[in-house]
Amino acid sequence: MCESSVYSTNGEKIMEDVISIKIDGENINLLDILNQPLSITGKIVEIDLDKHGIYVEVQD
């Protein structure tokens, strides 16, 4: 499978085993393999396909 982990730009793991990411303006909607949703505000700054990592600059 091709799950990824989502991290903040300071290295904090936000969610692992992510299978779906939907962008709605500044909202990033994540869904993991157990269909658990998580919505964060920020912007994706890097996607590392080799390491299955997605890096988000999170807004407070």
PDB file of N, CA and C in Angstrom:
ATOM      1  N   MET A   1       0.848  -1.175   0.000  1.00  0.00           N
ATOM      2  CA  MET A   1       0.000   0.000   0.000  1.00  0.00           C
ATOM      3  C   MET A   1       0.890   1.233   0.000  1.00  0.00           C
ATOM      4  N   CYS A   2       0.284   2.361  -0.264  1.00  0.00           N
ATOM      5  CA  CYS A   2       1.038   3.606  -0.398  1.00  0.00           C
ATOM      6  C   CYS A   2       0.560   4.664   0.578  1.00  0.00           C
ATOM      7  N   GLU A   3       0.546   4.333   1.860  1.00  0.00           N
ATOM      8  CA  GLU A   3       0.165   5.318   2.856  1.00  0.00           C
ATOM      9  C   GLU A   3       1.331   6.267   3.093  1.00  0.00           C
ATOM     10  N   SER A   4       1.015   7.452   3.574  1.00  0.00           N
ATOM     11  CA  SER A   4       2.037   8.433   3.915  1.00  0.00           C
ATOM     12  C   SER A   4       1.789   8.948   5.314  1.00  0.00           C
ATOM     13  N   SER A   5       2.813   9.578   5.861  1.00  0.00           N
ATOM     14  CA  SER A   5       2.679  10.268   7.137  1.00  0.00           C
ATOM     15  C   SER A   5       2.733  11.757   6.873  1.00  0.00           C
ATOM     16  N   VAL A   6       1.962  12.513   7.666  1.00  0.00           N
ATOM     17  CA  VAL A   6       1.926  13.970   7.536  1.00  0.00           C
ATOM     18  C   VAL A   6       2.620  14.553   8.754  1.00  0.00           C
ATOM     19  N   TYR A   7       3.554  15.487   8.501  1.00  0.00           N
ATOM     20  CA  TYR A   7       4.332  16.132   9.549  1.00  0.00           C
ATOM     21  C   TYR A   7       4.195  17.638   9.438  1.00  0.00           C
ATOM     22  N   SER A   8       4.324  18.320  10.581  1.00  0.00           N
ATOM     23  CA  SER A   8       4.441  19.775  10.538  1.00  0.00           C
ATOM     24  C   SER A   8       5.866  20.102  10.116  1.00  0.00           C
ATOM     25  N   THR A   9       6.114  21.333   9.729  1.00  0.00           N
ATOM     26  CA  THR A   9       7.457  21.726   9.294  1.00  0.00           C
ATOM     27  C   THR A   9       8.467  21.690  10.433  1.00  0.00           C
ATOM     28  N   ASN A  10       7.997  21.629  11.703  1.00  0.00           N
ATOM     29  CA  ASN A  10       8.940  21.512  12.819  1.00  0.00           C
ATOM     30  C   ASN A  10       9.181  20.050  13.202  1.00  0.00           C
ATOM     31  N   GLY A  11       8.668  19.103  12.406  1.00  0.00           N
ATOM     32  CA  GLY A  11       8.953  17.687  12.591  1.00  0.00           C
ATOM     33  C   GLY A  11       7.940  16.904  13.404  1.00  0.00           C
ATOM     34  N   GLU A  12       6.900  17.565  13.911  1.00  0.00           N
ATOM     35  CA  GLU A  12       5.882  16.874  14.694  1.00  0.00           C
ATOM     36  C   GLU A  12       4.987  16.045  13.773  1.00  0.00           C
ATOM     37  N   LYS A  13       4.789  14.758  14.122  1.00  0.00           N
ATOM     38  CA  LYS A  13       3.920  13.908  13.314  1.00  0.00           C
ATOM     39  C   LYS A  13       2.469  14.306  13.572  1.00  0.00           C
ATOM     40  N   ILE A  14       1.744  14.614  12.517  1.00  0.00           N
ATOM     41  CA  ILE A  14       0.340  15.006  12.615  1.00  0.00           C
ATOM     42  C   ILE A  14      -0.563  13.797  12.457  1.00  0.00           C
ATOM     43  N   MET A  15      -0.259  12.959  11.473  1.00  0.00           N
ATOM     44  CA  MET A  15      -1.082  11.771  11.218  1.00  0.00           C
ATOM     45  C   MET A  15      -0.260  10.780  10.408  1.00  0.00           C
ATOM     46  N   GLU A  16      -0.451   9.497  10.693  1.00  0.00           N
ATOM     47  CA  GLU A  16       0.228   8.473   9.903  1.00  0.00           C
ATOM     48  C   GLU A  16      -0.797   7.621   9.167  1.00  0.00           C
ATOM     49  N   ASP A  17      -0.320   6.848   8.217  1.00  0.00           N
ATOM     50  CA  ASP A  17      -1.160   5.965   7.397  1.00  0.00           C
ATOM     51  C   ASP A  17      -2.247   6.735   6.647  1.00  0.00           C
ATOM     52  N   VAL A  18      -1.889   7.913   6.133  1.00  0.00           N
ATOM     53  CA  VAL A  18      -2.833   8.745   5.390  1.00  0.00           C
ATOM     54  C   VAL A  18      -3.006   8.185   3.982  1.00  0.00           C
ATOM     55  N   ILE A  19      -4.277   8.035   3.575  1.00  0.00           N
ATOM     56  CA  ILE A  19      -4.562   7.517   2.229  1.00  0.00           C
ATOM     57  C   ILE A  19      -5.247   8.554   1.343  1.00  0.00           C
ATOM     58  N   SER A  20      -5.732   9.647   1.951  1.00  0.00           N
ATOM     59  CA  SER A  20      -6.427  10.660   1.159  1.00  0.00           C
ATOM     60  C   SER A  20      -6.144  12.042   1.734  1.00  0.00           C
ATOM     61  N   ILE A  21      -5.851  12.991   0.830  1.00  0.00           N
ATOM     62  CA  ILE A  21      -5.654  14.390   1.215  1.00  0.00           C
ATOM     63  C   ILE A  21      -6.488  15.234   0.254  1.00  0.00           C
ATOM     64  N   LYS A  22      -7.344  16.063   0.815  1.00  0.00           N
ATOM     65  CA  LYS A  22      -8.141  16.986   0.011  1.00  0.00           C
ATOM     66  C   LYS A  22      -7.869  18.404   0.493  1.00  0.00           C
ATOM     67  N   ILE A  23      -7.603  19.295  -0.453  1.00  0.00           N
ATOM     68  CA  ILE A  23      -7.300  20.681  -0.146  1.00  0.00           C
ATOM     69  C   ILE A  23      -8.533  21.530  -0.442  1.00  0.00           C
ATOM     70  N   ASP A  24      -8.917  22.339   0.540  1.00  0.00           N
ATOM     71  CA  ASP A  24     -10.040  23.266   0.383  1.00  0.00           C
ATOM     72  C   ASP A  24      -9.587  24.623   0.900  1.00  0.00           C
ATOM     73  N   GLY A  25      -8.981  25.410   0.011  1.00  0.00           N
ATOM     74  CA  GLY A  25      -8.417  26.689   0.427  1.00  0.00           C
ATOM     75  C   GLY A  25      -7.249  26.440   1.363  1.00  0.00           C
ATOM     76  N   GLU A  26      -7.336  26.944   2.599  1.00  0.00           N
ATOM     77  CA  GLU A  26      -6.286  26.730   3.587  1.00  0.00           C
ATOM     78  C   GLU A  26      -6.551  25.509   4.459  1.00  0.00           C
ATOM     79  N   ASN A  27      -7.669  24.839   4.245  1.00  0.00           N
ATOM     80  CA  ASN A  27      -7.983  23.628   5.010  1.00  0.00           C
ATOM     81  C   ASN A  27      -7.439  22.408   4.282  1.00  0.00           C
ATOM     82  N   ILE A  28      -6.803  21.537   5.051  1.00  0.00           N
ATOM     83  CA  ILE A  28      -6.277  20.284   4.526  1.00  0.00           C
ATOM     84  C   ILE A  28      -7.015  19.171   5.248  1.00  0.00           C
ATOM     85  N   ASN A  29      -7.762  18.387   4.502  1.00  0.00           N
ATOM     86  CA  ASN A  29      -8.564  17.301   5.070  1.00  0.00           C
ATOM     87  C   ASN A  29      -7.866  15.973   4.815  1.00  0.00           C
ATOM     88  N   LEU A  30      -7.521  15.292   5.903  1.00  0.00           N
ATOM     89  CA  LEU A  30      -6.781  14.038   5.838  1.00  0.00           C
ATOM     90  C   LEU A  30      -7.691  12.883   6.221  1.00  0.00           C
ATOM     91  N   LEU A  31      -7.412  11.720   5.660  1.00  0.00           N
ATOM     92  CA  LEU A  31      -8.158  10.507   5.992  1.00  0.00           C
ATOM     93  C   LEU A  31      -7.151   9.365   6.065  1.00  0.00           C
ATOM     94  N   ASP A  32      -7.201   8.588   7.172  1.00  0.00           N
ATOM     95  CA  ASP A  32      -6.255   7.481   7.304  1.00  0.00           C
ATOM     96  C   ASP A  32      -6.893   6.158   6.881  1.00  0.00           C
ATOM     97  N   ILE A  33      -6.128   5.070   6.995  1.00  0.00           N
ATOM     98  CA  ILE A  33      -6.596   3.766   6.506  1.00  0.00           C
ATOM     99  C   ILE A  33      -7.779   3.227   7.304  1.00  0.00           C
ATOM    100  N   LEU A  34      -8.007   3.771   8.491  1.00  0.00           N
ATOM    101  CA  LEU A  34      -9.163   3.367   9.304  1.00  0.00           C
ATOM    102  C   LEU A  34     -10.344   4.321   9.126  1.00  0.00           C
ATOM    103  N   ASN A  35     -10.262   5.176   8.099  1.00  0.00           N
ATOM    104  CA  ASN A  35     -11.288   6.178   7.789  1.00  0.00           C
ATOM    105  C   ASN A  35     -11.484   7.199   8.907  1.00  0.00           C
ATOM    106  N   GLN A  36     -10.419   7.474   9.671  1.00  0.00           N
ATOM    107  CA  GLN A  36     -10.450   8.514  10.690  1.00  0.00           C
ATOM    108  C   GLN A  36     -10.069   9.834  10.021  1.00  0.00           C
ATOM    109  N   PRO A  37     -10.959  10.839  10.055  1.00  0.00           N
ATOM    110  CA  PRO A  37     -10.660  12.116   9.413  1.00  0.00           C
ATOM    111  C   PRO A  37      -9.917  13.067  10.355  1.00  0.00           C
ATOM    112  N   LEU A  38      -9.182  13.986   9.769  1.00  0.00           N
ATOM    113  CA  LEU A  38      -8.536  15.064  10.509  1.00  0.00           C
ATOM    114  C   LEU A  38      -8.459  16.261   9.581  1.00  0.00           C
ATOM    115  N   SER A  39      -8.840  17.417  10.081  1.00  0.00           N
ATOM    116  CA  SER A  39      -8.775  18.646   9.300  1.00  0.00           C
ATOM    117  C   SER A  39      -7.800  19.599   9.981  1.00  0.00           C
ATOM    118  N   ILE A  40      -6.841  20.127   9.203  1.00  0.00           N
ATOM    119  CA  ILE A  40      -5.886  21.095   9.725  1.00  0.00           C
ATOM    120  C   ILE A  40      -5.871  22.308   8.808  1.00  0.00           C
ATOM    121  N   THR A  41      -5.411  23.417   9.349  1.00  0.00           N
ATOM    122  CA  THR A  41      -5.296  24.648   8.564  1.00  0.00           C
ATOM    123  C   THR A  41      -3.823  24.908   8.310  1.00  0.00           C
ATOM    124  N   GLY A  42      -3.478  25.134   7.065  1.00  0.00           N
ATOM    125  CA  GLY A  42      -2.090  25.395   6.708  1.00  0.00           C
ATOM    126  C   GLY A  42      -1.888  25.203   5.218  1.00  0.00           C
ATOM    127  N   LYS A  43      -0.626  24.968   4.858  1.00  0.00           N
ATOM    128  CA  LYS A  43      -0.330  24.704   3.442  1.00  0.00           C
ATOM    129  C   LYS A  43       0.753  23.647   3.342  1.00  0.00           C
ATOM    130  N   ILE A  44       0.626  22.819   2.339  1.00  0.00           N
ATOM    131  CA  ILE A  44       1.616  21.778   2.086  1.00  0.00           C
ATOM    132  C   ILE A  44       2.842  22.443   1.468  1.00  0.00           C
ATOM    133  N   VAL A  45       4.011  22.187   2.071  1.00  0.00           N
ATOM    134  CA  VAL A  45       5.238  22.808   1.575  1.00  0.00           C
ATOM    135  C   VAL A  45       6.181  21.803   0.919  1.00  0.00           C
ATOM    136  N   GLU A  46       5.985  20.506   1.212  1.00  0.00           N
ATOM    137  CA  GLU A  46       6.851  19.494   0.605  1.00  0.00           C
ATOM    138  C   GLU A  46       6.144  18.145   0.603  1.00  0.00           C
ATOM    139  N   ILE A  47       6.353  17.393  -0.473  1.00  0.00           N
ATOM    140  CA  ILE A  47       5.883  16.016  -0.561  1.00  0.00           C
ATOM    141  C   ILE A  47       7.090  15.168  -0.949  1.00  0.00           C
ATOM    142  N   ASP A  48       7.480  14.258  -0.060  1.00  0.00           N
ATOM    143  CA  ASP A  48       8.613  13.374  -0.311  1.00  0.00           C
ATOM    144  C   ASP A  48       8.058  11.993  -0.645  1.00  0.00           C
ATOM    145  N   LEU A  49       7.942  11.695  -1.924  1.00  0.00           N
ATOM    146  CA  LEU A  49       7.354  10.429  -2.360  1.00  0.00           C
ATOM    147  C   LEU A  49       8.236   9.239  -2.009  1.00  0.00           C
ATOM    148  N   ASP A  50       9.539   9.440  -1.960  1.00  0.00           N
ATOM    149  CA  ASP A  50      10.458   8.354  -1.632  1.00  0.00           C
ATOM    150  C   ASP A  50      10.279   7.900  -0.184  1.00  0.00           C
ATOM    151  N   LYS A  51      10.096   8.860   0.740  1.00  0.00           N
ATOM    152  CA  LYS A  51       9.957   8.544   2.162  1.00  0.00           C
ATOM    153  C   LYS A  51       8.503   8.544   2.632  1.00  0.00           C
ATOM    154  N   HIS A  52       7.569   8.753   1.701  1.00  0.00           N
ATOM    155  CA  HIS A  52       6.138   8.779   2.020  1.00  0.00           C
ATOM    156  C   HIS A  52       5.817   9.817   3.089  1.00  0.00           C
ATOM    157  N   GLY A  53       6.438  11.003   2.965  1.00  0.00           N
ATOM    158  CA  GLY A  53       6.220  12.073   3.933  1.00  0.00           C
ATOM    159  C   GLY A  53       5.634  13.312   3.282  1.00  0.00           C
ATOM    160  N   ILE A  54       4.678  13.913   3.950  1.00  0.00           N
ATOM    161  CA  ILE A  54       4.052  15.154   3.505  1.00  0.00           C
ATOM    162  C   ILE A  54       4.271  16.169   4.613  1.00  0.00           C
ATOM    163  N   TYR A  55       4.793  17.340   4.261  1.00  0.00           N
ATOM    164  CA  TYR A  55       5.155  18.353   5.254  1.00  0.00           C
ATOM    165  C   TYR A  55       4.246  19.568   5.098  1.00  0.00           C
ATOM    166  N   VAL A  56       3.668  19.982   6.233  1.00  0.00           N
ATOM    167  CA  VAL A  56       2.668  21.045   6.236  1.00  0.00           C
ATOM    168  C   VAL A  56       3.132  22.183   7.135  1.00  0.00           C
ATOM    169  N   GLU A  57       3.021  23.404   6.629  1.00  0.00           N
ATOM    170  CA  GLU A  57       3.217  24.591   7.448  1.00  0.00           C
ATOM    171  C   GLU A  57       1.873  24.886   8.093  1.00  0.00           C
ATOM    172  N   VAL A  58       1.741  24.527   9.357  1.00  0.00           N
ATOM    173  CA  VAL A  58       0.469  24.612  10.070  1.00  0.00           C
ATOM    174  C   VAL A  58       0.230  26.029  10.568  1.00  0.00           C
ATOM    175  N   GLN A  59      -0.998  26.507  10.370  1.00  0.00           N
ATOM    176  CA  GLN A  59      -1.383  27.815  10.903  1.00  0.00           C
ATOM    177  C   GLN A  59      -2.120  27.607  12.216  1.00  0.00           C
ATOM    178  N   ASP A  60      -1.875  28.507  13.158  1.00  0.00           N
ATOM    179  CA  ASP A  60      -2.550  28.401  14.468  1.00  0.00           C
ATOM    180  C   ASP A  60      -3.956  28.925  14.429  1.00  0.00           C
TER     181      ASP A  60
END
